[in-house]
Amino acid sequence: TISRDNAKSTVYLQMNNLKPEDTAVY
């Protein structure tokens, strides 16, 4: 899930149920 908090100038990526194929530089 991607979300943003403009007041904090921050973007998030919540990653659940991670799999080995998710391995990468983000």
PDB file of all heavy atoms in Angstrom:
ATOM      1  N   THR A   1       0.838  -1.188   0.000  1.00  0.00           N
ATOM      2  CA  THR A   1       0.000   0.000   0.000  1.00  0.00           C
ATOM      3  C   THR A   1       0.877   1.242   0.000  1.00  0.00           C
ATOM      4  O   THR A   1       1.801   1.351   0.813  1.00  0.00           O
ATOM      5  CB  THR A   1      -0.926   0.035   1.229  1.00  0.00           C
ATOM      6  OG1 THR A   1      -1.732  -1.138   1.265  1.00  0.00           O
ATOM      7  CG2 THR A   1      -1.833   1.262   1.176  1.00  0.00           C
ATOM      8  N   ILE A   2       0.592   2.175  -0.905  1.00  0.00           N
ATOM      9  CA  ILE A   2       1.307   3.437  -0.944  1.00  0.00           C
ATOM     10  C   ILE A   2       0.427   4.524  -0.335  1.00  0.00           C
ATOM     11  O   ILE A   2      -0.797   4.529  -0.514  1.00  0.00           O
ATOM     12  CB  ILE A   2       1.723   3.807  -2.383  1.00  0.00           C
ATOM     13  CG1 ILE A   2       2.648   5.031  -2.386  1.00  0.00           C
ATOM     14  CG2 ILE A   2       0.511   4.019  -3.276  1.00  0.00           C
ATOM     15  CD1 ILE A   2       3.281   5.315  -3.746  1.00  0.00           C
ATOM     16  N   SER A   3       1.041   5.432   0.388  1.00  0.00           N
ATOM     17  CA  SER A   3       0.319   6.543   0.992  1.00  0.00           C
ATOM     18  C   SER A   3       1.248   7.745   1.084  1.00  0.00           C
ATOM     19  O   SER A   3       2.466   7.623   0.914  1.00  0.00           O
ATOM     20  CB  SER A   3      -0.228   6.166   2.374  1.00  0.00           C
ATOM     21  OG  SER A   3       0.826   5.848   3.263  1.00  0.00           O
ATOM     22  N   ARG A   4       0.660   8.902   1.345  1.00  0.00           N
ATOM     23  CA  ARG A   4       1.471  10.110   1.481  1.00  0.00           C
ATOM     24  C   ARG A   4       0.928  10.979   2.596  1.00  0.00           C
ATOM     25  O   ARG A   4      -0.277  11.009   2.864  1.00  0.00           O
ATOM     26  CB  ARG A   4       1.535  10.891   0.158  1.00  0.00           C
ATOM     27  CG  ARG A   4       0.214  11.477  -0.308  1.00  0.00           C
ATOM     28  CD  ARG A   4       0.306  11.948  -1.768  1.00  0.00           C
ATOM     29  NE  ARG A   4       1.303  12.985  -1.954  1.00  0.00           N
ATOM     30  CZ  ARG A   4       1.804  13.346  -3.136  1.00  0.00           C
ATOM     31  NH1 ARG A   4       1.404  12.720  -4.245  1.00  0.00           N
ATOM     32  NH2 ARG A   4       2.708  14.315  -3.214  1.00  0.00           N
ATOM     33  N   ASP A   5       1.835  11.696   3.234  1.00  0.00           N
ATOM     34  CA  ASP A   5       1.508  12.660   4.260  1.00  0.00           C
ATOM     35  C   ASP A   5       2.165  13.963   3.837  1.00  0.00           C
ATOM     36  O   ASP A   5       3.350  14.183   4.095  1.00  0.00           O
ATOM     37  CB  ASP A   5       2.002  12.201   5.630  1.00  0.00           C
ATOM     38  CG  ASP A   5       1.565  13.107   6.757  1.00  0.00           C
ATOM     39  OD1 ASP A   5       1.221  14.284   6.495  1.00  0.00           O
ATOM     40  OD2 ASP A   5       1.557  12.663   7.915  1.00  0.00           O
ATOM     41  N   ASN A   6       1.406  14.809   3.168  1.00  0.00           N
ATOM     42  CA  ASN A   6       1.975  16.038   2.629  1.00  0.00           C
ATOM     43  C   ASN A   6       2.449  16.989   3.725  1.00  0.00           C
ATOM     44  O   ASN A   6       3.409  17.735   3.529  1.00  0.00           O
ATOM     45  CB  ASN A   6       0.957  16.738   1.733  1.00  0.00           C
ATOM     46  CG  ASN A   6       0.699  15.989   0.447  1.00  0.00           C
ATOM     47  OD1 ASN A   6       1.557  15.275  -0.053  1.00  0.00           O
ATOM     48  ND2 ASN A   6      -0.501  16.152  -0.099  1.00  0.00           N
ATOM     49  N   ALA A   7       1.787  16.971   4.869  1.00  0.00           N
ATOM     50  CA  ALA A   7       2.204  17.826   5.970  1.00  0.00           C
ATOM     51  C   ALA A   7       3.597  17.465   6.456  1.00  0.00           C
ATOM     52  O   ALA A   7       4.337  18.330   6.932  1.00  0.00           O
ATOM     53  CB  ALA A   7       1.202  17.746   7.117  1.00  0.00           C
ATOM     54  N   LYS A   8       3.962  16.192   6.349  1.00  0.00           N
ATOM     55  CA  LYS A   8       5.288  15.732   6.750  1.00  0.00           C
ATOM     56  C   LYS A   8       6.233  15.565   5.571  1.00  0.00           C
ATOM     57  O   LYS A   8       7.378  15.127   5.760  1.00  0.00           O
ATOM     58  CB  LYS A   8       5.186  14.408   7.505  1.00  0.00           C
ATOM     59  CG  LYS A   8       4.448  14.499   8.823  1.00  0.00           C
ATOM     60  CD  LYS A   8       4.457  13.165   9.551  1.00  0.00           C
ATOM     61  CE  LYS A   8       3.784  13.281  10.909  1.00  0.00           C
ATOM     62  NZ  LYS A   8       3.797  11.987  11.637  1.00  0.00           N
ATOM     63  N   SER A   9       5.767  15.887   4.369  1.00  0.00           N
ATOM     64  CA  SER A   9       6.560  15.739   3.149  1.00  0.00           C
ATOM     65  C   SER A   9       7.143  14.334   3.038  1.00  0.00           C
ATOM     66  O   SER A   9       8.335  14.159   2.727  1.00  0.00           O
ATOM     67  CB  SER A   9       7.673  16.794   3.099  1.00  0.00           C
ATOM     68  OG  SER A   9       7.138  18.097   3.029  1.00  0.00           O
ATOM     69  N   THR A  10       6.307  13.339   3.276  1.00  0.00           N
ATOM     70  CA  THR A  10       6.764  11.958   3.324  1.00  0.00           C
ATOM     71  C   THR A  10       5.794  11.050   2.577  1.00  0.00           C
ATOM     72  O   THR A  10       4.579  11.232   2.656  1.00  0.00           O
ATOM     73  CB  THR A  10       6.908  11.472   4.774  1.00  0.00           C
ATOM     74  OG1 THR A  10       7.826  12.329   5.466  1.00  0.00           O
ATOM     75  CG2 THR A  10       7.427  10.049   4.821  1.00  0.00           C
ATOM     76  N   VAL A  11       6.348  10.079   1.864  1.00  0.00           N
ATOM     77  CA  VAL A  11       5.595   9.039   1.184  1.00  0.00           C
ATOM     78  C   VAL A  11       5.993   7.702   1.787  1.00  0.00           C
ATOM     79  O   VAL A  11       7.162   7.485   2.114  1.00  0.00           O
ATOM     80  CB  VAL A  11       5.864   9.059  -0.330  1.00  0.00           C
ATOM     81  CG1 VAL A  11       5.107   7.942  -1.031  1.00  0.00           C
ATOM     82  CG2 VAL A  11       5.463  10.394  -0.919  1.00  0.00           C
ATOM     83  N   TYR A  12       5.012   6.815   1.921  1.00  0.00           N
ATOM     84  CA  TYR A  12       5.243   5.527   2.550  1.00  0.00           C
ATOM     85  C   TYR A  12       4.897   4.387   1.600  1.00  0.00           C
ATOM     86  O   TYR A  12       4.057   4.526   0.709  1.00  0.00           O
ATOM     87  CB  TYR A  12       4.393   5.374   3.814  1.00  0.00           C
ATOM     88  CG  TYR A  12       4.597   6.465   4.830  1.00  0.00           C
ATOM     89  CD1 TYR A  12       3.746   7.565   4.876  1.00  0.00           C
ATOM     90  CD2 TYR A  12       5.640   6.401   5.747  1.00  0.00           C
ATOM     91  CE1 TYR A  12       3.928   8.568   5.810  1.00  0.00           C
ATOM     92  CE2 TYR A  12       5.830   7.402   6.675  1.00  0.00           C
ATOM     93  CZ  TYR A  12       4.968   8.480   6.707  1.00  0.00           C
ATOM     94  OH  TYR A  12       5.156   9.474   7.636  1.00  0.00           O
ATOM     95  N   LEU A  13       5.546   3.265   1.821  1.00  0.00           N
ATOM     96  CA  LEU A  13       5.176   2.024   1.168  1.00  0.00           C
ATOM     97  C   LEU A  13       5.092   0.947   2.238  1.00  0.00           C
ATOM     98  O   LEU A  13       6.116   0.517   2.772  1.00  0.00           O
ATOM     99  CB  LEU A  13       6.183   1.626   0.087  1.00  0.00           C
ATOM    100  CG  LEU A  13       5.812   0.378  -0.725  1.00  0.00           C
ATOM    101  CD1 LEU A  13       4.581   0.646  -1.586  1.00  0.00           C
ATOM    102  CD2 LEU A  13       6.980  -0.081  -1.592  1.00  0.00           C
ATOM    103  N   GLN A  14       3.872   0.549   2.568  1.00  0.00           N
ATOM    104  CA  GLN A  14       3.654  -0.527   3.518  1.00  0.00           C
ATOM    105  C   GLN A  14       3.679  -1.842   2.764  1.00  0.00           C
ATOM    106  O   GLN A  14       2.882  -2.052   1.847  1.00  0.00           O
ATOM    107  CB  GLN A  14       2.316  -0.357   4.234  1.00  0.00           C
ATOM    108  CG  GLN A  14       2.001  -1.460   5.232  1.00  0.00           C
ATOM    109  CD  GLN A  14       2.950  -1.472   6.407  1.00  0.00           C
ATOM    110  OE1 GLN A  14       3.218  -0.428   6.992  1.00  0.00           O
ATOM    111  NE2 GLN A  14       3.470  -2.647   6.741  1.00  0.00           N
ATOM    112  N   MET A  15       4.585  -2.726   3.138  1.00  0.00           N
ATOM    113  CA  MET A  15       4.782  -3.992   2.453  1.00  0.00           C
ATOM    114  C   MET A  15       4.467  -5.124   3.421  1.00  0.00           C
ATOM    115  O   MET A  15       5.146  -5.285   4.438  1.00  0.00           O
ATOM    116  CB  MET A  15       6.214  -4.121   1.929  1.00  0.00           C
ATOM    117  CG  MET A  15       6.651  -2.960   1.045  1.00  0.00           C
ATOM    118  SD  MET A  15       8.287  -3.227   0.294  1.00  0.00           S
ATOM    119  CE  MET A  15       9.302  -3.233   1.773  1.00  0.00           C
ATOM    120  N   ASN A  16       3.446  -5.896   3.096  1.00  0.00           N
ATOM    121  CA  ASN A  16       3.030  -7.026   3.913  1.00  0.00           C
ATOM    122  C   ASN A  16       3.180  -8.323   3.136  1.00  0.00           C
ATOM    123  O   ASN A  16       3.213  -8.329   1.906  1.00  0.00           O
ATOM    124  CB  ASN A  16       1.575  -6.862   4.354  1.00  0.00           C
ATOM    125  CG  ASN A  16       1.347  -5.642   5.216  1.00  0.00           C
ATOM    126  OD1 ASN A  16       2.206  -5.253   6.006  1.00  0.00           O
ATOM    127  ND2 ASN A  16       0.169  -5.031   5.072  1.00  0.00           N
ATOM    128  N   ASN A  17       3.239  -9.424   3.863  1.00  0.00           N
ATOM    129  CA  ASN A  17       3.368 -10.750   3.258  1.00  0.00           C
ATOM    130  C   ASN A  17       4.483 -10.776   2.217  1.00  0.00           C
ATOM    131  O   ASN A  17       4.290 -11.190   1.079  1.00  0.00           O
ATOM    132  CB  ASN A  17       2.042 -11.178   2.639  1.00  0.00           C
ATOM    133  CG  ASN A  17       2.025 -12.637   2.238  1.00  0.00           C
ATOM    134  OD1 ASN A  17       2.779 -13.452   2.772  1.00  0.00           O
ATOM    135  ND2 ASN A  17       1.174 -12.983   1.282  1.00  0.00           N
ATOM    136  N   LEU A  18       5.648 -10.342   2.627  1.00  0.00           N
ATOM    137  CA  LEU A  18       6.768 -10.244   1.702  1.00  0.00           C
ATOM    138  C   LEU A  18       7.211 -11.611   1.208  1.00  0.00           C
ATOM    139  O   LEU A  18       7.176 -12.601   1.942  1.00  0.00           O
ATOM    140  CB  LEU A  18       7.931  -9.520   2.368  1.00  0.00           C
ATOM    141  CG  LEU A  18       7.743  -8.001   2.458  1.00  0.00           C
ATOM    142  CD1 LEU A  18       8.640  -7.412   3.530  1.00  0.00           C
ATOM    143  CD2 LEU A  18       8.027  -7.358   1.108  1.00  0.00           C
ATOM    144  N   LYS A  19       7.646 -11.633  -0.049  1.00  0.00           N
ATOM    145  CA  LYS A  19       8.100 -12.840  -0.711  1.00  0.00           C
ATOM    146  C   LYS A  19       9.540 -12.669  -1.164  1.00  0.00           C
ATOM    147  O   LYS A  19       9.996 -11.545  -1.370  1.00  0.00           O
ATOM    148  CB  LYS A  19       7.216 -13.148  -1.923  1.00  0.00           C
ATOM    149  CG  LYS A  19       5.741 -13.307  -1.597  1.00  0.00           C
ATOM    150  CD  LYS A  19       4.924 -13.512  -2.857  1.00  0.00           C
ATOM    151  CE  LYS A  19       3.454 -13.689  -2.532  1.00  0.00           C
ATOM    152  NZ  LYS A  19       2.645 -13.902  -3.760  1.00  0.00           N
ATOM    153  N   PRO A  20      10.276 -13.763  -1.344  1.00  0.00           N
ATOM    154  CA  PRO A  20      11.662 -13.639  -1.812  1.00  0.00           C
ATOM    155  C   PRO A  20      11.798 -12.846  -3.103  1.00  0.00           C
ATOM    156  O   PRO A  20      12.797 -12.129  -3.278  1.00  0.00           O
ATOM    157  CB  PRO A  20      12.102 -15.091  -1.997  1.00  0.00           C
ATOM    158  CG  PRO A  20      11.287 -15.842  -1.004  1.00  0.00           C
ATOM    159  CD  PRO A  20       9.946 -15.151  -0.989  1.00  0.00           C
ATOM    160  N   GLU A  21      10.825 -12.943  -3.994  1.00  0.00           N
ATOM    161  CA  GLU A  21      10.885 -12.202  -5.245  1.00  0.00           C
ATOM    162  C   GLU A  21      10.705 -10.701  -5.076  1.00  0.00           C
ATOM    163  O   GLU A  21      10.867  -9.943  -6.040  1.00  0.00           O
ATOM    164  CB  GLU A  21       9.860 -12.739  -6.256  1.00  0.00           C
ATOM    165  CG  GLU A  21       8.452 -12.840  -5.691  1.00  0.00           C
ATOM    166  CD  GLU A  21       8.114 -14.235  -5.212  1.00  0.00           C
ATOM    167  OE1 GLU A  21       8.959 -14.865  -4.545  1.00  0.00           O
ATOM    168  OE2 GLU A  21       6.993 -14.714  -5.504  1.00  0.00           O
ATOM    169  N   ASP A  22      10.367 -10.249  -3.871  1.00  0.00           N
ATOM    170  CA  ASP A  22      10.309  -8.823  -3.584  1.00  0.00           C
ATOM    171  C   ASP A  22      11.682  -8.234  -3.294  1.00  0.00           C
ATOM    172  O   ASP A  22      11.807  -7.010  -3.150  1.00  0.00           O
ATOM    173  CB  ASP A  22       9.392  -8.543  -2.393  1.00  0.00           C
ATOM    174  CG  ASP A  22       7.948  -8.913  -2.659  1.00  0.00           C
ATOM    175  OD1 ASP A  22       7.454  -8.657  -3.779  1.00  0.00           O
ATOM    176  OD2 ASP A  22       7.297  -9.449  -1.738  1.00  0.00           O
ATOM    177  N   THR A  23      12.691  -9.073  -3.177  1.00  0.00           N
ATOM    178  CA  THR A  23      14.040  -8.599  -2.894  1.00  0.00           C
ATOM    179  C   THR A  23      14.525  -7.675  -3.999  1.00  0.00           C
ATOM    180  O   THR A  23      14.523  -8.035  -5.178  1.00  0.00           O
ATOM    181  CB  THR A  23      15.001  -9.781  -2.740  1.00  0.00           C
ATOM    182  OG1 THR A  23      14.612 -10.569  -1.614  1.00  0.00           O
ATOM    183  CG2 THR A  23      16.428  -9.291  -2.541  1.00  0.00           C
ATOM    184  N   ALA A  24      14.932  -6.464  -3.619  1.00  0.00           N
ATOM    185  CA  ALA A  24      15.371  -5.464  -4.585  1.00  0.00           C
ATOM    186  C   ALA A  24      15.805  -4.219  -3.835  1.00  0.00           C
ATOM    187  O   ALA A  24      15.590  -4.094  -2.624  1.00  0.00           O
ATOM    188  CB  ALA A  24      14.241  -5.107  -5.565  1.00  0.00           C
ATOM    189  N   VAL A  25      16.407  -3.301  -4.562  1.00  0.00           N
ATOM    190  CA  VAL A  25      16.607  -1.948  -4.069  1.00  0.00           C
ATOM    191  C   VAL A  25      15.364  -1.145  -4.421  1.00  0.00           C
ATOM    192  O   VAL A  25      14.957  -1.097  -5.586  1.00  0.00           O
ATOM    193  CB  VAL A  25      17.860  -1.294  -4.663  1.00  0.00           C
ATOM    194  CG1 VAL A  25      17.964   0.164  -4.235  1.00  0.00           C
ATOM    195  CG2 VAL A  25      19.106  -2.053  -4.238  1.00  0.00           C
ATOM    196  N   TYR A  26      14.771  -0.526  -3.431  1.00  0.00           N
ATOM    197  CA  TYR A  26      13.554   0.248  -3.630  1.00  0.00           C
ATOM    198  C   TYR A  26      13.899   1.730  -3.675  1.00  0.00           C
ATOM    199  O   TYR A  26      14.596   2.238  -2.795  1.00  0.00           O
ATOM    200  CB  TYR A  26      12.544  -0.038  -2.515  1.00  0.00           C
ATOM    201  CG  TYR A  26      11.866  -1.374  -2.674  1.00  0.00           C
ATOM    202  CD1 TYR A  26      12.562  -2.554  -2.439  1.00  0.00           C
ATOM    203  CD2 TYR A  26      10.537  -1.457  -3.084  1.00  0.00           C
ATOM    204  CE1 TYR A  26      11.948  -3.781  -2.614  1.00  0.00           C
ATOM    205  CE2 TYR A  26       9.920  -2.680  -3.255  1.00  0.00           C
ATOM    206  CZ  TYR A  26      10.627  -3.839  -3.016  1.00  0.00           C
ATOM    207  OH  TYR A  26      10.012  -5.055  -3.190  1.00  0.00           O
TER     208      TYR A  26
END
